[in-house]
Amino acid sequence: MTTKTAWNAQIDITEEGRKVTADATLIGKGGEQRMVGHGVARCNPADQNDPAIGDELAAARALADLTNKLLDNAAHDIESHTHQPVKGSLSS
């Protein structure tokens, strides 16, 4: 039997001067489950301000934060089922 589940991700980016913030929101289980990762990027005052680079960095950092939260959540769920601590890394 095959089961298909869809999770949707949305990245919201806010630019304020030379600072960019991003929120990566993962929505799963019919919209009932939400998890958010946050990321920030700042342009060095000595560098030319290129908002696209700030957007990329902030979004990547938000997704990395979201990834870590998902891995922590998975480890917690495994431990609650097995009643044993997770050994090693879940990242690959």
C-alpha atoms as a PDB file:
ATOM      1  CA  MET A   1       0.000   0.000   0.000  1.00  0.00           C
ATOM      2  CA  THR A   2       1.315   3.432  -0.940  1.00  0.00           C
ATOM      3  CA  THR A   3       0.479   6.519   1.048  1.00  0.00           C
ATOM      4  CA  LYS A   4       1.177  10.007  -0.210  1.00  0.00           C
ATOM      5  CA  THR A   5       1.456  12.993   2.101  1.00  0.00           C
ATOM      6  CA  ALA A   6       2.052  16.580   1.041  1.00  0.00           C
ATOM      7  CA  TRP A   7       3.872  19.129   3.150  1.00  0.00           C
ATOM      8  CA  ASN A   8       4.018  22.713   1.960  1.00  0.00           C
ATOM      9  CA  ALA A   9       6.812  25.174   2.635  1.00  0.00           C
ATOM     10  CA  GLN A  10       6.649  28.942   2.466  1.00  0.00           C
ATOM     11  CA  ILE A  11       9.487  31.416   2.912  1.00  0.00           C
ATOM     12  CA  ASP A  12       8.632  34.972   3.906  1.00  0.00           C
ATOM     13  CA  ILE A  13      11.433  37.508   3.484  1.00  0.00           C
ATOM     14  CA  THR A  14      11.555  40.985   4.999  1.00  0.00           C
ATOM     15  CA  GLU A  15      14.185  43.533   3.982  1.00  0.00           C
ATOM     16  CA  GLU A  16      14.912  46.456   6.309  1.00  0.00           C
ATOM     17  CA  GLY A  17      17.786  48.532   5.031  1.00  0.00           C
ATOM     18  CA  ARG A  18      20.859  46.295   5.048  1.00  0.00           C
ATOM     19  CA  LYS A  19      19.207  43.584   7.175  1.00  0.00           C
ATOM     20  CA  VAL A  20      17.125  40.716   5.787  1.00  0.00           C
ATOM     21  CA  THR A  21      15.072  38.293   7.867  1.00  0.00           C
ATOM     22  CA  ALA A  22      13.395  35.128   6.632  1.00  0.00           C
ATOM     23  CA  ASP A  23      10.849  32.756   8.114  1.00  0.00           C
ATOM     24  CA  ALA A  24      10.588  29.295   6.549  1.00  0.00           C
ATOM     25  CA  THR A  25       7.258  27.737   7.483  1.00  0.00           C
ATOM     26  CA  LEU A  26       6.563  24.042   6.954  1.00  0.00           C
ATOM     27  CA  ILE A  27       2.885  23.102   6.948  1.00  0.00           C
ATOM     28  CA  GLY A  28       1.933  19.449   7.180  1.00  0.00           C
ATOM     29  CA  LYS A  29      -0.857  17.091   8.169  1.00  0.00           C
ATOM     30  CA  GLY A  30      -3.664  19.008   6.487  1.00  0.00           C
ATOM     31  CA  GLY A  31      -2.497  22.361   7.809  1.00  0.00           C
ATOM     32  CA  GLU A  32      -2.666  21.227  11.428  1.00  0.00           C
ATOM     33  CA  GLN A  33       1.083  20.946  11.970  1.00  0.00           C
ATOM     34  CA  ARG A  34       3.352  23.987  11.557  1.00  0.00           C
ATOM     35  CA  MET A  35       7.024  24.463  12.191  1.00  0.00           C
ATOM     36  CA  VAL A  36       8.990  27.666  11.564  1.00  0.00           C
ATOM     37  CA  GLY A  37      12.690  28.281  11.035  1.00  0.00           C
ATOM     38  CA  HIS A  38      14.254  31.750  11.234  1.00  0.00           C
ATOM     39  CA  GLY A  39      17.211  33.262   9.427  1.00  0.00           C
ATOM     40  CA  VAL A  40      18.943  36.658   9.303  1.00  0.00           C
ATOM     41  CA  ALA A  41      21.485  38.212   6.963  1.00  0.00           C
ATOM     42  CA  ARG A  42      23.231  41.574   7.310  1.00  0.00           C
ATOM     43  CA  CYS A  43      25.211  43.380   4.664  1.00  0.00           C
ATOM     44  CA  ASN A  44      28.713  44.378   5.710  1.00  0.00           C
ATOM     45  CA  PRO A  45      28.902  48.199   5.617  1.00  0.00           C
ATOM     46  CA  ALA A  46      32.020  47.927   3.423  1.00  0.00           C
ATOM     47  CA  ASP A  47      30.174  45.831   0.803  1.00  0.00           C
ATOM     48  CA  GLN A  48      27.814  46.923  -1.943  1.00  0.00           C
ATOM     49  CA  ASN A  49      24.232  46.240  -0.860  1.00  0.00           C
ATOM     50  CA  ASP A  50      22.774  43.469  -3.044  1.00  0.00           C
ATOM     51  CA  PRO A  51      19.366  42.496  -1.612  1.00  0.00           C
ATOM     52  CA  ALA A  52      19.270  39.251  -3.630  1.00  0.00           C
ATOM     53  CA  ILE A  53      22.315  37.934  -1.757  1.00  0.00           C
ATOM     54  CA  GLY A  54      20.754  38.852   1.580  1.00  0.00           C
ATOM     55  CA  ASP A  55      17.535  37.097   0.554  1.00  0.00           C
ATOM     56  CA  GLU A  56      19.473  33.932  -0.341  1.00  0.00           C
ATOM     57  CA  LEU A  57      21.471  33.908   2.890  1.00  0.00           C
ATOM     58  CA  ALA A  58      18.500  34.622   5.140  1.00  0.00           C
ATOM     59  CA  ALA A  59      16.365  31.995   3.367  1.00  0.00           C
ATOM     60  CA  ALA A  60      19.150  29.392   3.556  1.00  0.00           C
ATOM     61  CA  ARG A  61      19.636  30.086   7.264  1.00  0.00           C
ATOM     62  CA  ALA A  62      15.881  29.836   7.877  1.00  0.00           C
ATOM     63  CA  LEU A  63      15.772  26.487   6.072  1.00  0.00           C
ATOM     64  CA  ALA A  64      18.800  25.246   8.043  1.00  0.00           C
ATOM     65  CA  ASP A  65      17.064  26.247  11.286  1.00  0.00           C
ATOM     66  CA  LEU A  66      13.922  24.451  10.132  1.00  0.00           C
ATOM     67  CA  THR A  67      15.988  21.361   9.264  1.00  0.00           C
ATOM     68  CA  ASN A  68      17.492  21.271  12.757  1.00  0.00           C
ATOM     69  CA  LYS A  69      14.048  21.606  14.327  1.00  0.00           C
ATOM     70  CA  LEU A  70      12.709  18.743  12.189  1.00  0.00           C
ATOM     71  CA  LEU A  71      15.654  16.520  13.157  1.00  0.00           C
ATOM     72  CA  ASP A  72      15.163  17.347  16.855  1.00  0.00           C
ATOM     73  CA  ASN A  73      11.465  16.564  16.536  1.00  0.00           C
ATOM     74  CA  ALA A  74      12.209  13.244  14.818  1.00  0.00           C
ATOM     75  CA  ALA A  75      14.706  12.305  17.541  1.00  0.00           C
ATOM     76  CA  HIS A  76      12.134  13.108  20.217  1.00  0.00           C
ATOM     77  CA  ASP A  77       9.511  11.002  18.428  1.00  0.00           C
ATOM     78  CA  ILE A  78      11.917   8.061  18.058  1.00  0.00           C
ATOM     79  CA  GLU A  79      12.832   8.250  21.749  1.00  0.00           C
ATOM     80  CA  SER A  80       9.181   8.361  22.783  1.00  0.00           C
ATOM     81  CA  HIS A  81       8.515   5.162  20.800  1.00  0.00           C
ATOM     82  CA  THR A  82      11.653   3.241  21.691  1.00  0.00           C
ATOM     83  CA  HIS A  83      12.206   4.614  25.203  1.00  0.00           C
ATOM     84  CA  GLN A  84      15.895   4.767  24.286  1.00  0.00           C
ATOM     85  CA  PRO A  85      18.061   7.787  23.467  1.00  0.00           C
ATOM     86  CA  VAL A  86      18.832   8.302  19.787  1.00  0.00           C
ATOM     87  CA  LYS A  87      22.433   7.376  19.049  1.00  0.00           C
ATOM     88  CA  GLY A  88      24.416   9.093  16.322  1.00  0.00           C
ATOM     89  CA  SER A  89      23.182  11.625  13.835  1.00  0.00           C
ATOM     90  CA  LEU A  90      19.795  11.646  12.121  1.00  0.00           C
ATOM     91  CA  SER A  91      21.047  13.937   9.348  1.00  0.00           C
ATOM     92  CA  SER A  92      22.051  11.140   6.939  1.00  0.00           C
END
